[in-house]
């Protein structure tokens, strides 16, 4: 089972992968929209499309997962 599948079972939805400064901007946007945000290290096995630059410096990138915050 992939990490993405494990997180999906817990209610997390994969959104996107970014590095700074865009990463912080996107996290802030999701939090303002009342989402919980979870960051995972970049994994080339779970990405599609052109990722050669990400694979060259994988520690720079994080994958954003979100889920709606529970209502109190």
C-alpha atoms as a PDB file:
ATOM      1  CA  UNK A   1       0.000   0.000   0.000  1.00  0.00           C
ATOM      2  CA  UNK A   2       1.371   3.427  -0.945  1.00  0.00           C
ATOM      3  CA  UNK A   3       1.660   6.304   1.497  1.00  0.00           C
ATOM      4  CA  UNK A   4      -1.017   8.139  -0.519  1.00  0.00           C
ATOM      5  CA  UNK A   5      -3.407   5.197  -0.065  1.00  0.00           C
ATOM      6  CA  UNK A   6      -2.725   5.101   3.681  1.00  0.00           C
ATOM      7  CA  UNK A   7      -3.457   8.824   3.976  1.00  0.00           C
ATOM      8  CA  UNK A   8      -6.587   8.517   1.816  1.00  0.00           C
ATOM      9  CA  UNK A   9      -7.959   5.893   4.212  1.00  0.00           C
ATOM     10  CA  UNK A  10      -7.584   8.495   6.961  1.00  0.00           C
ATOM     11  CA  UNK A  11      -9.515  11.104   4.966  1.00  0.00           C
ATOM     12  CA  UNK A  12      -6.596  13.020   3.446  1.00  0.00           C
ATOM     13  CA  UNK A  13      -6.772  14.124  -0.190  1.00  0.00           C
ATOM     14  CA  UNK A  14      -3.610  14.728  -2.203  1.00  0.00           C
ATOM     15  CA  UNK A  15      -3.545  18.218  -3.665  1.00  0.00           C
ATOM     16  CA  UNK A  16      -0.204  19.217  -5.174  1.00  0.00           C
ATOM     17  CA  UNK A  17       3.564  19.304  -4.717  1.00  0.00           C
ATOM     18  CA  UNK A  18       5.502  22.561  -4.337  1.00  0.00           C
ATOM     19  CA  UNK A  19       8.652  24.091  -2.941  1.00  0.00           C
ATOM     20  CA  UNK A  20       9.099  27.454  -1.240  1.00  0.00           C
ATOM     21  CA  UNK A  21       7.873  30.132  -1.438  1.00  0.00           C
ATOM     22  CA  UNK A  22       4.782  28.729  -3.200  1.00  0.00           C
ATOM     23  CA  UNK A  23       4.466  25.903  -0.660  1.00  0.00           C
ATOM     24  CA  UNK A  24       3.785  28.286   2.240  1.00  0.00           C
ATOM     25  CA  UNK A  25       1.340  30.307   0.139  1.00  0.00           C
ATOM     26  CA  UNK A  26      -0.697  27.255  -0.814  1.00  0.00           C
ATOM     27  CA  UNK A  27      -0.697  25.896   2.756  1.00  0.00           C
ATOM     28  CA  UNK A  28      -1.931  29.257   4.036  1.00  0.00           C
ATOM     29  CA  UNK A  29      -4.677  29.340   1.387  1.00  0.00           C
ATOM     30  CA  UNK A  30      -5.976  25.877   2.396  1.00  0.00           C
ATOM     31  CA  UNK A  31      -5.892  26.800   6.088  1.00  0.00           C
ATOM     32  CA  UNK A  32      -7.879  29.970   5.367  1.00  0.00           C
ATOM     33  CA  UNK A  33     -10.457  27.775   3.605  1.00  0.00           C
ATOM     34  CA  UNK A  34     -10.833  25.775   6.856  1.00  0.00           C
ATOM     35  CA  UNK A  35      -8.815  22.728   5.806  1.00  0.00           C
ATOM     36  CA  UNK A  36      -6.354  20.748   7.878  1.00  0.00           C
ATOM     37  CA  UNK A  37      -3.048  20.531   6.025  1.00  0.00           C
ATOM     38  CA  UNK A  38      -0.547  17.691   6.132  1.00  0.00           C
ATOM     39  CA  UNK A  39       2.819  17.794   4.344  1.00  0.00           C
ATOM     40  CA  UNK A  40       4.623  14.705   3.073  1.00  0.00           C
ATOM     41  CA  UNK A  41       8.152  14.468   1.682  1.00  0.00           C
ATOM     42  CA  UNK A  42       8.360  14.419  -2.108  1.00  0.00           C
ATOM     43  CA  UNK A  43       8.130  10.907  -3.558  1.00  0.00           C
ATOM     44  CA  UNK A  44       8.873  10.460  -7.245  1.00  0.00           C
ATOM     45  CA  UNK A  45       6.971   7.166  -7.162  1.00  0.00           C
ATOM     46  CA  UNK A  46       3.718   9.005  -6.454  1.00  0.00           C
ATOM     47  CA  UNK A  47       4.126  11.859  -8.941  1.00  0.00           C
ATOM     48  CA  UNK A  48       3.158  12.108 -12.584  1.00  0.00           C
ATOM     49  CA  UNK A  49       4.231  14.394 -15.381  1.00  0.00           C
ATOM     50  CA  UNK A  50       7.612  16.049 -15.723  1.00  0.00           C
ATOM     51  CA  UNK A  51       9.389  15.742 -12.368  1.00  0.00           C
ATOM     52  CA  UNK A  52      13.055  15.711 -13.392  1.00  0.00           C
ATOM     53  CA  UNK A  53      13.833  18.986 -11.584  1.00  0.00           C
ATOM     54  CA  UNK A  54      12.088  17.695  -8.444  1.00  0.00           C
ATOM     55  CA  UNK A  55      14.044  14.441  -8.561  1.00  0.00           C
ATOM     56  CA  UNK A  56      17.298  16.442  -8.716  1.00  0.00           C
ATOM     57  CA  UNK A  57      16.527  18.167  -5.372  1.00  0.00           C
ATOM     58  CA  UNK A  58      13.789  16.110  -3.668  1.00  0.00           C
ATOM     59  CA  UNK A  59      14.342  17.602  -0.197  1.00  0.00           C
ATOM     60  CA  UNK A  60      13.093  21.000  -1.439  1.00  0.00           C
ATOM     61  CA  UNK A  61       9.600  19.703  -2.277  1.00  0.00           C
ATOM     62  CA  UNK A  62       6.620  18.698  -0.173  1.00  0.00           C
ATOM     63  CA  UNK A  63       3.312  17.170  -1.200  1.00  0.00           C
ATOM     64  CA  UNK A  64       0.249  18.843   0.274  1.00  0.00           C
ATOM     65  CA  UNK A  65      -2.647  16.771   1.592  1.00  0.00           C
ATOM     66  CA  UNK A  66      -5.838  18.307   2.970  1.00  0.00           C
ATOM     67  CA  UNK A  67      -9.049  17.374   4.725  1.00  0.00           C
ATOM     68  CA  UNK A  68     -11.891  19.467   6.052  1.00  0.00           C
ATOM     69  CA  UNK A  69     -11.549  20.438   9.704  1.00  0.00           C
ATOM     70  CA  UNK A  70     -14.001  18.765  12.042  1.00  0.00           C
ATOM     71  CA  UNK A  71     -16.831  21.047  13.099  1.00  0.00           C
ATOM     72  CA  UNK A  72     -16.922  21.607  16.851  1.00  0.00           C
END
